Protein backbone atom coordinates (compact mmCIF):
# COMPACT_ATOMS: atom_id res chain seq x y z
CA MET A 1 -41.95 -45.00 -81.62
CA LYS A 2 -40.02 -41.97 -82.61
CA MET A 3 -42.37 -39.89 -80.48
CA VAL A 4 -41.77 -42.06 -77.39
CA LYS A 5 -37.98 -41.92 -77.95
CA SER A 6 -38.07 -38.15 -78.19
CA LEU A 7 -40.05 -37.88 -74.98
CA ILE A 8 -37.57 -40.11 -73.11
CA LEU A 9 -34.53 -38.20 -74.40
CA GLY A 10 -36.17 -34.85 -73.63
CA SER A 11 -37.02 -35.93 -70.09
CA ALA A 12 -33.48 -37.14 -69.50
CA ALA A 13 -32.02 -33.87 -70.74
CA GLY A 14 -34.37 -31.94 -68.47
CA LEU A 15 -33.37 -34.04 -65.46
CA ILE A 16 -29.69 -33.51 -66.22
CA ALA A 17 -30.21 -29.74 -66.50
CA MET A 18 -32.15 -29.62 -63.27
CA SER A 19 -29.57 -31.67 -61.42
CA GLY A 20 -26.83 -29.35 -62.71
CA ALA A 21 -28.70 -26.31 -61.51
CA GLN A 22 -29.27 -27.86 -58.10
CA ALA A 23 -25.58 -28.78 -57.83
CA ALA A 24 -24.64 -25.22 -58.60
CA ASP A 25 -26.96 -24.01 -55.83
CA LEU A 26 -25.39 -26.25 -53.14
CA PRO A 27 -23.60 -24.17 -50.39
CA VAL A 28 -19.83 -24.09 -50.31
CA LYS A 29 -18.41 -26.13 -47.40
CA ALA A 30 -17.98 -23.85 -44.31
CA LYS A 31 -14.53 -23.19 -42.84
CA ALA A 32 -13.78 -25.09 -39.68
CA VAL A 33 -14.67 -23.25 -36.49
CA GLU A 34 -11.55 -22.21 -34.51
CA TYR A 35 -12.36 -23.35 -31.02
CA VAL A 36 -10.60 -21.95 -27.95
CA ARG A 37 -7.54 -24.03 -27.16
CA ILE A 38 -6.07 -24.63 -23.71
CA CYS A 39 -2.58 -23.17 -23.18
CA SER A 40 -0.64 -25.42 -20.82
CA LEU A 41 2.67 -23.52 -21.03
CA TYR A 42 2.09 -21.21 -18.08
CA GLY A 43 -0.11 -23.15 -15.67
CA ALA A 44 -3.82 -23.63 -15.15
CA GLY A 45 -6.35 -21.14 -16.49
CA PHE A 46 -4.53 -19.97 -19.64
CA PHE A 47 -5.98 -20.37 -23.16
CA TYR A 48 -4.93 -19.15 -26.59
CA ILE A 49 -6.52 -15.97 -27.93
CA PRO A 50 -8.15 -17.31 -31.15
CA GLY A 51 -6.04 -16.67 -34.21
CA THR A 52 -2.88 -15.84 -32.21
CA ASP A 53 -0.04 -17.53 -30.37
CA THR A 54 -0.71 -15.42 -27.25
CA CYS A 55 -2.03 -17.07 -24.10
CA ILE A 56 -4.41 -15.21 -21.79
CA LYS A 57 -5.75 -15.80 -18.30
CA LEU A 58 -8.69 -13.97 -16.76
CA GLY A 59 -9.03 -13.98 -12.99
CA GLY A 60 -9.59 -11.98 -9.86
CA TYR A 61 -11.64 -12.07 -6.70
CA LEU A 62 -14.72 -10.64 -5.03
CA ARG A 63 -14.13 -9.46 -1.47
CA VAL A 64 -16.39 -7.95 1.18
CA ASP A 65 -14.71 -6.35 4.24
CA THR A 66 -16.26 -4.93 7.38
CA THR A 67 -14.23 -3.42 10.22
CA LEU A 68 -15.66 -2.67 13.64
CA GLY A 69 -13.98 -0.15 15.93
CA GLY A 70 -11.33 0.84 13.38
CA GLY A 71 -10.51 3.81 11.19
CA ASN A 72 -10.84 2.09 7.82
CA MET A 73 -12.70 -0.80 6.22
CA TYR A 74 -9.44 -2.73 5.70
CA GLY A 75 -8.55 -3.14 9.37
CA GLN A 76 -6.86 0.18 10.04
CA ALA A 77 -6.74 0.80 13.78
CA ALA A 78 -8.44 3.93 15.12
CA TYR A 79 -5.25 6.00 15.32
CA SER A 80 -6.01 9.27 13.47
CA GLY A 81 -8.78 11.61 12.32
CA ASP A 82 -12.24 11.25 13.78
CA SER A 83 -11.51 7.68 14.92
CA GLY A 84 -8.37 8.81 16.75
CA GLN A 85 -10.37 11.58 18.43
CA ARG A 86 -13.19 9.17 19.38
CA ASN A 87 -15.63 11.95 18.50
CA ARG A 88 -19.23 11.54 17.32
CA TYR A 89 -18.26 11.78 13.63
CA TRP A 90 -16.32 8.53 13.92
CA ASP A 91 -17.74 5.74 11.77
CA THR A 92 -17.29 2.78 14.09
CA ILE A 93 -18.52 0.51 11.27
CA ASN A 94 -16.62 0.64 7.96
CA SER A 95 -17.28 -1.61 4.98
CA ARG A 96 -16.14 -2.14 1.40
CA SER A 97 -17.26 -4.40 -1.45
CA ARG A 98 -14.67 -4.98 -4.17
CA MET A 99 -14.42 -6.99 -7.36
CA ALA A 100 -10.86 -7.23 -8.68
CA LEU A 101 -10.35 -8.26 -12.32
CA THR A 102 -6.95 -9.39 -13.62
CA ILE A 103 -5.78 -9.95 -17.20
CA ASP A 104 -2.52 -11.85 -17.72
CA THR A 105 -1.18 -12.40 -21.28
CA ARG A 106 1.98 -14.28 -22.29
CA THR A 107 3.65 -14.92 -25.63
CA ALA A 108 6.71 -17.11 -26.23
CA THR A 109 9.37 -15.34 -28.34
CA GLU A 110 13.01 -15.83 -29.25
CA TYR A 111 13.87 -13.44 -26.39
CA GLY A 112 11.78 -15.33 -23.88
CA VAL A 113 8.23 -14.78 -22.68
CA VAL A 114 6.58 -11.40 -23.26
CA ARG A 115 4.07 -10.81 -20.48
CA THR A 116 1.50 -8.10 -19.76
CA PHE A 117 -0.52 -7.90 -16.55
CA GLY A 118 -3.20 -5.56 -15.30
CA GLN A 119 -5.57 -5.38 -12.35
CA GLY A 120 -8.53 -3.07 -11.82
CA ASP A 121 -10.60 -2.95 -8.63
CA PHE A 122 -14.28 -2.06 -8.92
CA GLN A 123 -15.29 -1.03 -5.42
CA PHE A 124 -17.83 0.67 -3.24
CA GLN A 125 -17.31 1.66 0.39
CA ASN A 126 -18.89 3.80 3.03
CA PHE A 127 -17.37 7.22 3.68
CA THR A 128 -14.24 6.99 5.80
CA THR A 129 -15.29 10.10 7.72
CA SER A 130 -18.50 12.02 8.43
CA ASN A 131 -16.89 15.25 9.61
CA PRO A 132 -18.33 17.99 7.36
CA SER A 133 -15.05 19.95 7.45
CA VAL A 134 -13.31 16.96 5.87
CA LEU A 135 -16.03 16.03 3.39
CA THR A 136 -15.99 19.49 1.81
CA ALA A 137 -12.20 19.90 1.80
CA ALA A 138 -10.30 20.17 -1.47
CA GLY A 139 -8.49 17.05 -2.61
CA VAL A 140 -10.63 14.52 -0.76
CA ASN A 141 -9.96 10.93 -1.79
CA SER A 142 -11.89 8.85 -4.30
CA ALA A 143 -13.72 6.95 -1.56
CA LEU A 144 -16.18 9.85 -1.56
CA LEU A 145 -17.34 8.71 -5.01
CA SER A 146 -19.06 5.86 -3.17
CA SER A 147 -22.37 7.71 -3.05
CA ALA A 148 -25.63 5.83 -3.51
CA GLY A 149 -25.38 3.97 -6.81
CA GLY A 150 -21.78 5.18 -7.20
CA GLY A 151 -18.37 3.64 -6.64
CA TYR A 152 -15.01 3.90 -8.36
CA VAL A 153 -12.25 1.92 -10.03
CA ALA A 154 -8.77 1.67 -8.50
CA VAL A 155 -5.80 0.64 -10.65
CA GLU A 156 -3.28 -1.70 -9.06
CA MET A 157 -0.65 -3.51 -11.15
CA VAL A 158 -0.23 -2.53 -14.84
CA PHE A 159 3.07 -3.70 -16.34
CA ILE A 160 4.98 -5.31 -19.24
CA GLN A 161 7.74 -7.91 -18.75
CA PHE A 162 10.27 -8.72 -21.46
CA ALA A 163 13.73 -10.35 -21.43
CA GLY A 164 14.13 -9.91 -17.67
CA PHE A 165 12.88 -6.30 -17.67
CA THR A 166 9.69 -4.97 -16.07
CA PHE A 167 8.13 -1.68 -17.17
CA GLY A 168 5.08 -0.09 -15.51
CA LYS A 169 3.26 -0.14 -12.19
CA SER A 170 4.46 -3.20 -10.31
CA ALA A 171 5.89 -4.24 -6.96
CA SER A 172 9.19 -2.54 -6.18
CA ALA A 173 12.41 -4.53 -6.52
CA TYR A 174 12.85 -3.73 -2.82
CA ALA A 175 9.71 -5.66 -1.78
CA THR A 176 9.34 -9.13 -0.32
CA PRO A 177 6.80 -11.50 -1.93
CA TRP A 178 4.43 -10.94 1.02
CA HIS A 179 4.86 -7.13 1.23
CA GLY A 180 3.01 -6.01 4.39
CA TYR A 181 1.03 -9.25 4.67
CA PRO A 182 3.06 -11.96 6.40
CA GLY A 183 -0.23 -13.41 7.72
CA ASN A 184 -2.68 -10.55 8.33
CA ASN A 185 -5.80 -9.34 6.51
CA ASN A 186 -5.39 -5.64 7.34
CA SER A 187 -3.42 -3.28 5.09
CA PHE A 188 -1.78 -1.35 7.94
CA LEU A 189 0.86 -3.59 9.52
CA VAL A 190 3.74 -1.11 9.71
CA GLY A 191 7.36 -2.06 10.27
CA GLY A 192 8.60 -2.47 6.71
CA HIS A 193 8.10 -1.87 3.00
CA ASP A 194 4.76 -2.38 1.18
CA THR A 195 4.14 -1.79 -2.55
CA VAL A 196 1.46 -4.47 -2.92
CA THR A 197 -0.61 -2.07 -5.04
CA GLY A 198 2.33 -1.25 -7.30
CA VAL A 199 4.58 1.72 -8.03
CA ASN A 200 5.77 3.07 -11.39
CA ASN A 201 9.20 1.59 -12.06
CA ILE A 202 11.71 0.06 -14.44
CA GLN A 203 13.58 -3.00 -13.19
CA TYR A 204 15.69 -5.91 -14.33
CA THR A 205 15.86 -9.39 -12.78
CA ALA A 206 18.71 -11.84 -13.35
CA GLN A 207 18.46 -15.54 -12.50
CA PHE A 208 21.76 -17.04 -11.30
CA GLY A 209 20.54 -20.61 -10.88
CA ASN A 210 19.79 -22.81 -7.86
CA GLY A 211 17.04 -20.42 -6.79
CA VAL A 212 19.33 -17.38 -6.54
CA SER A 213 18.21 -14.17 -8.25
CA GLY A 214 18.98 -10.47 -8.19
CA THR A 215 16.82 -7.49 -9.14
CA ILE A 216 17.71 -3.83 -9.57
CA GLY A 217 15.22 -1.10 -10.31
CA LEU A 218 14.37 2.58 -10.52
CA ASP A 219 11.17 3.52 -8.65
CA ASP A 220 9.22 6.75 -8.97
CA PRO A 221 8.99 7.93 -5.33
CA THR A 222 6.40 10.68 -5.87
CA VAL A 223 3.31 8.74 -4.80
CA PHE A 224 4.52 6.06 -2.40
CA ASN A 225 7.98 6.76 -1.03
CA ARG A 226 7.77 10.28 0.41
CA THR A 227 6.47 11.16 3.86
CA ALA A 228 7.47 14.77 4.64
CA VAL A 229 10.46 17.13 4.78
CA LEU A 230 9.50 19.45 7.65
CA ASN A 231 10.38 23.13 7.29
CA LEU A 232 10.64 24.14 10.94
CA GLY A 233 10.65 27.81 10.04
CA VAL A 234 6.90 27.49 9.49
CA ALA A 235 4.63 27.59 12.55
CA GLY A 236 3.39 24.19 13.67
CA GLY A 237 0.26 23.23 15.55
CA ALA A 238 -1.08 21.35 18.52
CA THR A 239 0.10 17.95 17.27
CA ALA A 240 2.73 18.68 14.63
CA ALA A 241 5.76 20.87 13.97
CA GLY A 242 6.60 22.82 10.82
CA ALA A 243 5.11 22.12 7.40
CA ASN A 244 5.88 19.67 4.63
CA SER A 245 8.22 21.24 2.09
CA TYR A 246 9.35 18.38 -0.15
CA GLY A 247 10.66 19.68 -3.48
CA GLY A 248 9.79 18.22 -6.85
CA THR A 249 10.95 14.73 -7.81
CA THR A 250 14.29 15.01 -9.62
CA ALA A 251 15.74 11.52 -9.09
CA PRO A 252 14.25 8.04 -8.87
CA ASP A 253 14.75 5.72 -5.94
CA ILE A 254 17.49 3.21 -6.70
CA VAL A 255 16.41 -0.15 -5.31
CA GLY A 256 17.41 -3.79 -5.49
CA ASN A 257 17.50 -7.18 -3.83
CA ILE A 258 19.33 -10.48 -3.72
CA ARG A 259 16.98 -13.41 -3.11
CA VAL A 260 17.40 -17.12 -2.43
CA ASP A 261 14.31 -19.30 -3.04
CA GLN A 262 14.55 -22.91 -1.88
CA ALA A 263 12.26 -25.73 -0.78
CA TRP A 264 12.90 -24.74 2.84
CA GLY A 265 11.81 -21.13 2.25
CA LEU A 266 13.24 -17.77 1.24
CA PHE A 267 15.97 -15.34 2.28
CA GLN A 268 16.26 -11.82 0.87
CA ILE A 269 18.39 -8.72 1.36
CA SER A 270 17.06 -5.43 -0.05
CA ALA A 271 18.50 -1.91 -0.25
CA ALA A 272 17.23 1.48 -1.43
CA ALA A 273 18.68 4.96 -2.01
CA HIS A 274 16.23 7.86 -1.74
CA GLN A 275 16.70 11.56 -2.56
CA VAL A 276 15.57 14.00 0.14
CA ASN A 277 15.15 17.53 -1.23
CA ALA A 278 13.30 20.58 0.07
CA SER A 279 11.51 23.42 -1.71
CA TYR A 280 12.30 26.78 -0.05
CA ASN A 281 13.37 28.33 3.24
CA ILE A 282 10.45 30.78 3.39
CA LEU A 283 6.97 29.33 3.08
CA GLY A 284 3.56 30.47 4.20
CA ALA A 285 1.19 28.72 6.58
CA GLY A 286 0.79 25.07 5.72
CA GLY A 287 3.87 25.11 3.50
CA VAL A 288 2.30 27.23 0.74
CA PRO A 289 4.89 29.25 -1.26
CA THR A 290 4.93 33.06 -1.07
CA ALA A 291 6.47 35.83 -3.19
CA LEU A 292 9.59 35.55 -0.99
CA SER A 293 10.02 31.77 -1.38
CA GLU A 294 12.20 31.66 -4.48
CA ILE A 295 14.65 34.31 -3.33
CA SER A 296 14.92 32.80 0.17
CA GLY A 297 17.05 29.87 -0.95
CA HIS A 298 16.82 26.25 0.13
CA PRO A 299 18.87 23.64 1.99
CA GLU A 300 21.24 21.35 0.11
CA THR A 301 19.75 18.07 -1.07
CA LYS A 302 20.74 14.89 0.76
CA TRP A 303 20.41 11.19 0.01
CA GLY A 304 18.92 8.76 2.47
CA GLY A 305 18.06 5.13 2.15
CA SER A 306 17.04 1.89 3.79
CA VAL A 307 17.93 -1.79 4.08
CA MET A 308 15.78 -4.83 4.80
CA ALA A 309 16.43 -8.50 5.57
CA ALA A 310 13.60 -11.01 5.15
CA LEU A 311 13.22 -14.70 5.98
CA GLN A 312 10.52 -17.29 5.30
CA ILE A 313 10.70 -20.83 6.71
CA LYS A 314 8.37 -23.41 5.16
CA ASN A 315 7.40 -26.99 6.01
CA LEU A 316 7.35 -26.46 9.75
CA PRO A 317 6.78 -29.56 11.92
CA THR A 318 3.61 -27.96 13.33
CA GLY A 319 1.58 -28.95 10.25
CA ALA A 320 1.41 -29.26 6.48
CA GLY A 321 1.71 -25.88 4.78
CA ASP A 322 2.66 -24.03 7.98
CA ASP A 323 5.26 -21.28 7.64
CA PHE A 324 6.92 -18.41 9.47
CA LYS A 325 7.71 -15.03 7.87
CA ILE A 326 9.70 -12.11 9.27
CA ASP A 327 11.40 -8.98 7.94
CA VAL A 328 13.59 -6.40 9.68
CA SER A 329 14.10 -2.88 8.30
CA TYR A 330 16.28 0.18 8.99
CA ALA A 331 15.90 3.57 7.30
CA LYS A 332 17.56 6.96 7.42
CA GLY A 333 15.77 9.62 5.44
CA ASP A 334 13.42 6.99 3.96
CA THR A 335 10.80 6.50 6.68
CA LYS A 336 8.17 5.14 4.27
CA ASN A 337 10.13 1.88 4.17
CA VAL A 338 9.38 1.41 7.89
CA ILE A 339 6.12 3.30 8.60
CA SER A 340 4.38 1.85 5.57
CA THR A 341 0.91 0.77 4.50
CA SER A 342 -0.55 -0.21 1.12
CA GLY A 343 -1.18 3.53 0.69
CA GLY A 344 0.47 6.50 2.38
CA SER A 345 2.44 6.67 5.61
CA PRO A 346 0.31 7.66 8.60
CA SER A 347 1.05 10.19 11.31
CA TYR A 348 -0.62 9.17 14.56
CA LEU A 349 -2.98 11.23 16.72
CA MET A 350 -5.05 9.58 19.46
CA TYR A 351 -7.07 10.76 22.46
CA SER A 352 -8.41 8.97 25.53
CA GLY A 353 -9.24 9.56 29.16
CA THR A 354 -6.94 10.98 31.83
CA GLY A 355 -6.49 10.84 35.58
CA ARG A 356 -4.45 14.06 35.71
CA ALA A 357 -6.05 16.84 37.73
CA GLY A 358 -7.07 19.79 35.56
CA ALA A 359 -6.67 17.93 32.26
CA TYR A 360 -9.62 17.43 29.91
CA GLN A 361 -8.30 14.32 28.17
CA SER A 362 -5.02 12.63 27.29
CA ILE A 363 -3.31 12.84 23.92
CA GLY A 364 -0.61 10.89 22.12
CA PHE A 365 0.81 11.61 18.69
CA GLY A 366 3.68 10.75 16.38
CA GLN A 367 4.64 12.85 13.35
CA THR A 368 6.10 10.85 10.47
CA SER A 369 8.76 12.49 8.28
CA ASP A 370 11.88 11.74 6.27
CA ALA A 371 13.81 14.81 7.43
CA VAL A 372 13.62 18.23 9.09
CA PHE A 373 15.40 21.55 8.62
CA MET A 374 15.28 24.96 10.29
CA PRO A 375 16.48 27.87 8.13
CA VAL A 376 19.30 30.05 9.48
CA LEU A 377 17.01 33.09 9.41
CA ASN A 378 14.84 31.24 11.96
CA GLY A 379 17.79 30.45 14.23
CA GLY A 380 18.55 26.98 12.87
CA THR A 381 21.51 25.45 11.06
CA GLY A 382 19.83 25.52 7.64
CA ASP A 383 20.73 21.96 6.66
CA ILE A 384 18.55 18.89 6.19
CA LYS A 385 18.69 16.45 9.09
CA LEU A 386 17.55 12.92 8.24
CA VAL A 387 15.10 11.06 10.48
CA GLU A 388 15.92 7.47 11.47
CA ALA A 389 13.51 4.54 11.82
CA TRP A 390 13.61 0.79 12.22
CA GLY A 391 10.99 -1.92 12.37
CA VAL A 392 10.27 -5.64 12.50
CA ARG A 393 7.13 -7.57 11.59
CA GLY A 394 6.20 -11.19 11.06
CA ALA A 395 3.63 -13.96 11.34
CA PHE A 396 3.26 -17.65 12.14
CA ASN A 397 0.73 -19.30 9.84
CA HIS A 398 -0.86 -22.62 10.86
CA ASN A 399 -3.29 -24.96 9.08
CA TRP A 400 -5.54 -26.86 11.49
CA ASP A 401 -6.98 -29.01 8.70
CA PRO A 402 -7.85 -28.55 5.00
CA TYR A 403 -10.68 -26.17 5.94
CA TRP A 404 -9.41 -24.11 8.89
CA SER A 405 -6.26 -22.00 9.33
CA SER A 406 -5.01 -19.27 11.66
CA SER A 407 -2.23 -16.68 11.70
CA LEU A 408 -0.64 -14.93 14.65
CA PHE A 409 1.05 -11.69 13.53
CA GLY A 410 2.72 -8.64 15.00
CA SER A 411 5.06 -5.71 14.41
CA TYR A 412 7.13 -3.09 16.20
CA ALA A 413 8.63 0.14 14.85
CA GLN A 414 10.53 3.18 16.12
CA VAL A 415 10.92 6.69 14.65
CA LYS A 416 13.76 8.84 16.00
CA TYR A 417 14.55 12.54 15.62
CA ASN A 418 18.18 12.50 16.68
CA GLY A 419 19.80 14.84 19.17
CA ASN A 420 18.64 16.60 22.32
CA ALA A 421 15.49 18.66 22.87
CA LEU A 422 17.62 21.54 24.17
CA ASP A 423 20.22 21.40 21.37
CA ILE A 424 19.11 23.76 18.60
CA THR A 425 21.73 22.30 16.26
CA SER A 426 20.07 18.87 16.30
CA ALA A 427 16.94 17.54 14.61
CA LYS A 428 15.16 17.01 17.92
CA GLY A 429 16.17 20.42 19.27
CA GLN A 430 14.91 22.22 16.17
CA TRP A 431 11.65 20.23 16.13
CA CYS A 432 10.98 21.07 19.79
CA ALA A 433 11.86 24.76 19.33
CA ASN A 434 9.17 24.95 16.66
CA TYR A 435 6.59 22.92 18.57
CA ASN A 436 7.06 24.62 21.95
CA ALA A 437 6.61 28.15 20.61
CA GLY A 438 3.60 29.86 22.17
CA LYS A 439 2.42 26.86 24.19
CA ALA A 440 1.49 26.97 27.86
CA VAL A 441 3.02 23.83 29.36
CA SER A 442 3.11 22.17 32.79
CA ALA A 443 6.11 22.19 35.13
CA ASP A 444 6.83 18.53 34.37
CA TYR A 445 6.56 18.96 30.59
CA THR A 446 9.30 17.57 28.35
CA CYS A 447 9.38 17.58 24.54
CA ASN A 448 10.38 14.49 22.59
CA PRO A 449 8.96 13.77 19.09
CA ASP A 450 10.30 10.20 19.02
CA TYR A 451 7.65 7.47 19.11
CA ASN A 452 7.18 3.72 18.89
CA VAL A 453 4.24 1.72 17.54
CA ALA A 454 3.39 -1.92 18.17
CA GLN A 455 0.71 -4.15 16.70
CA VAL A 456 -0.45 -7.67 17.47
CA GLY A 457 -3.32 -9.70 16.09
CA VAL A 458 -4.79 -13.07 15.19
CA VAL A 459 -6.85 -14.09 12.16
CA THR A 460 -8.79 -17.34 11.67
CA ARG A 461 -10.03 -18.50 8.26
CA TRP A 462 -12.63 -21.05 7.16
CA THR A 463 -12.60 -22.36 3.58
CA PRO A 464 -15.70 -24.58 3.23
CA VAL A 465 -15.14 -25.03 -0.53
CA LYS A 466 -12.21 -24.29 -2.80
CA ASN A 467 -11.54 -20.56 -3.37
CA LEU A 468 -14.21 -19.36 -0.91
CA THR A 469 -12.88 -18.12 2.43
CA PHE A 470 -14.50 -16.48 5.43
CA SER A 471 -12.15 -14.89 7.99
CA ALA A 472 -12.16 -12.83 11.18
CA GLU A 473 -9.20 -10.77 12.42
CA LEU A 474 -8.84 -9.24 15.88
CA GLY A 475 -6.02 -6.72 16.26
CA ALA A 476 -4.59 -4.28 18.79
CA PHE A 477 -2.51 -1.13 18.21
CA PHE A 478 -0.24 0.62 20.73
CA LEU A 479 1.31 4.10 20.48
CA ASP A 480 4.28 4.72 22.78
CA GLN A 481 4.84 8.48 22.66
CA LYS A 482 7.72 10.18 24.49
CA PHE A 483 6.29 13.50 25.75
CA THR A 484 5.64 13.99 29.46
CA GLY A 485 3.46 16.42 31.39
CA ALA A 486 0.60 18.46 29.95
CA ALA A 487 -0.05 21.52 27.79
CA THR A 488 -2.86 23.79 26.66
CA LEU A 489 -3.51 22.77 23.05
CA ALA A 490 -5.74 24.13 20.31
CA ALA A 491 -6.91 20.69 19.26
CA ALA A 492 -8.72 20.13 15.98
CA ALA A 493 -12.50 20.63 16.15
CA PRO A 494 -14.70 19.34 17.61
CA LYS A 495 -12.16 19.09 20.45
CA PRO A 496 -11.90 22.19 22.67
CA THR A 497 -8.80 24.29 23.28
CA THR A 498 -7.85 23.23 26.79
CA VAL A 499 -5.33 21.24 28.85
CA TYR A 500 -4.36 17.77 27.61
CA GLU A 501 -2.10 15.24 29.28
CA TYR A 502 0.56 13.57 27.10
CA LYS A 503 0.06 9.83 27.44
CA ASP A 504 0.53 6.52 25.59
CA GLN A 505 -2.52 5.30 23.67
CA SER A 506 -4.00 2.01 22.46
CA THR A 507 -6.99 0.67 20.54
CA VAL A 508 -8.49 -2.57 19.19
CA TYR A 509 -10.48 -3.49 16.07
CA LEU A 510 -12.29 -6.45 14.50
CA ASN A 511 -12.26 -7.16 10.76
CA VAL A 512 -14.49 -9.77 9.09
CA ARG A 513 -14.06 -10.77 5.44
CA ALA A 514 -15.69 -12.95 2.80
CA GLN A 515 -13.67 -13.62 -0.36
CA ARG A 516 -14.26 -15.67 -3.50
CA ASN A 517 -11.30 -16.12 -5.85
CA PHE A 518 -11.86 -16.96 -9.49
């Protein structure tokens, strides 16, 4: 009996020991997984970064553009370079594939929302020119990285917003919400301001209530808001006078707007002040400094500027979501705010046929600049003379149904070198004195560097499913130049040096686009 009792007690003790060991080996309960949480504070698409109180939204688009008969894949008309010449180096088909990625973060603080935003564009395009003299030139643009298997990344907006302030690369305080896109696809609708790809700035926005706001800012003008200051003491060429002699950037552009946003639409007044400064009186060919430049002096710096009024009218009786946008601009010494694109300001140079006896072809051009000066040692007045410009652009946007929409858009702009062609004390007189030098001209020749440009177009879009749109845009461009007669010109190769008739020019293009937003 004692033996049986001992066996039972021993077995029980062993079981207890085993169960204790097994309990000790059981895993500790895992911490709860922190799942991604939706952030509803700032609209659809935001979620909390795990472990933080910061909300983030990832987005962007994939876009494929093809332009036929233009000078650029984004619907630029054939108004310069090989396309303006209509020579055999002209790429009549231009295309680009782009994927834009955006990162938007926001954090609520006691000072308000802290926001960061960035956009990078991964893109590949065909060369914008095939002319060997251009392809091998120094300083060619990044599009040439689009070799087989290549491509490049473009940086658009990169900024921080805090307590009403914006720091970084963002739209200028001068800009309208639609920039240069009241209804068009193309990036070349001139007639007003366009910083849709951003400019380095510091700005502050104040909200006054009832949809009224005001913004003031300081923009870095180096990249976007300088065309040219023409030193007319430097020899010009067949289609341009002088050479660009802008000095270094020593002052920011001072910009601002007052805006009213209401259910009926938007009204905005913008203004900008822009410093116009030159380098030196004596420069070499092409504006390159020489050993005499520094001791030759320079003209006194001047300030120019521009103003813009913009209007948007929503809820038109023509259909749900229809609207009309228009902006009107005037500039003096700040031509970029009229002759503007999403990149630089173009100068125009176009060729076509002629009916003039003895002429090889016709030519039309317009040189874009902020100001001109002719040094006293070259027979001029020595002071900077500001160039004037004004423009208007707009669009009517109509929705046929939930799947189809169209926009009719257009613009008109003028650039004026003030004075008289025979008055050497005026901007126009000094420009013409430089341009006319050494040229053999016809008896009916007159010099006038003023020019007008006009654009008109229509785009139709089909959205078969949400965020996927196919569109086609047909546009026309017109250059109204002011020269008359003919002259023997040493045109850029492959054009020959021969007689050309001065004549107005025009061209058309077709852009097709597929875009998926995400």
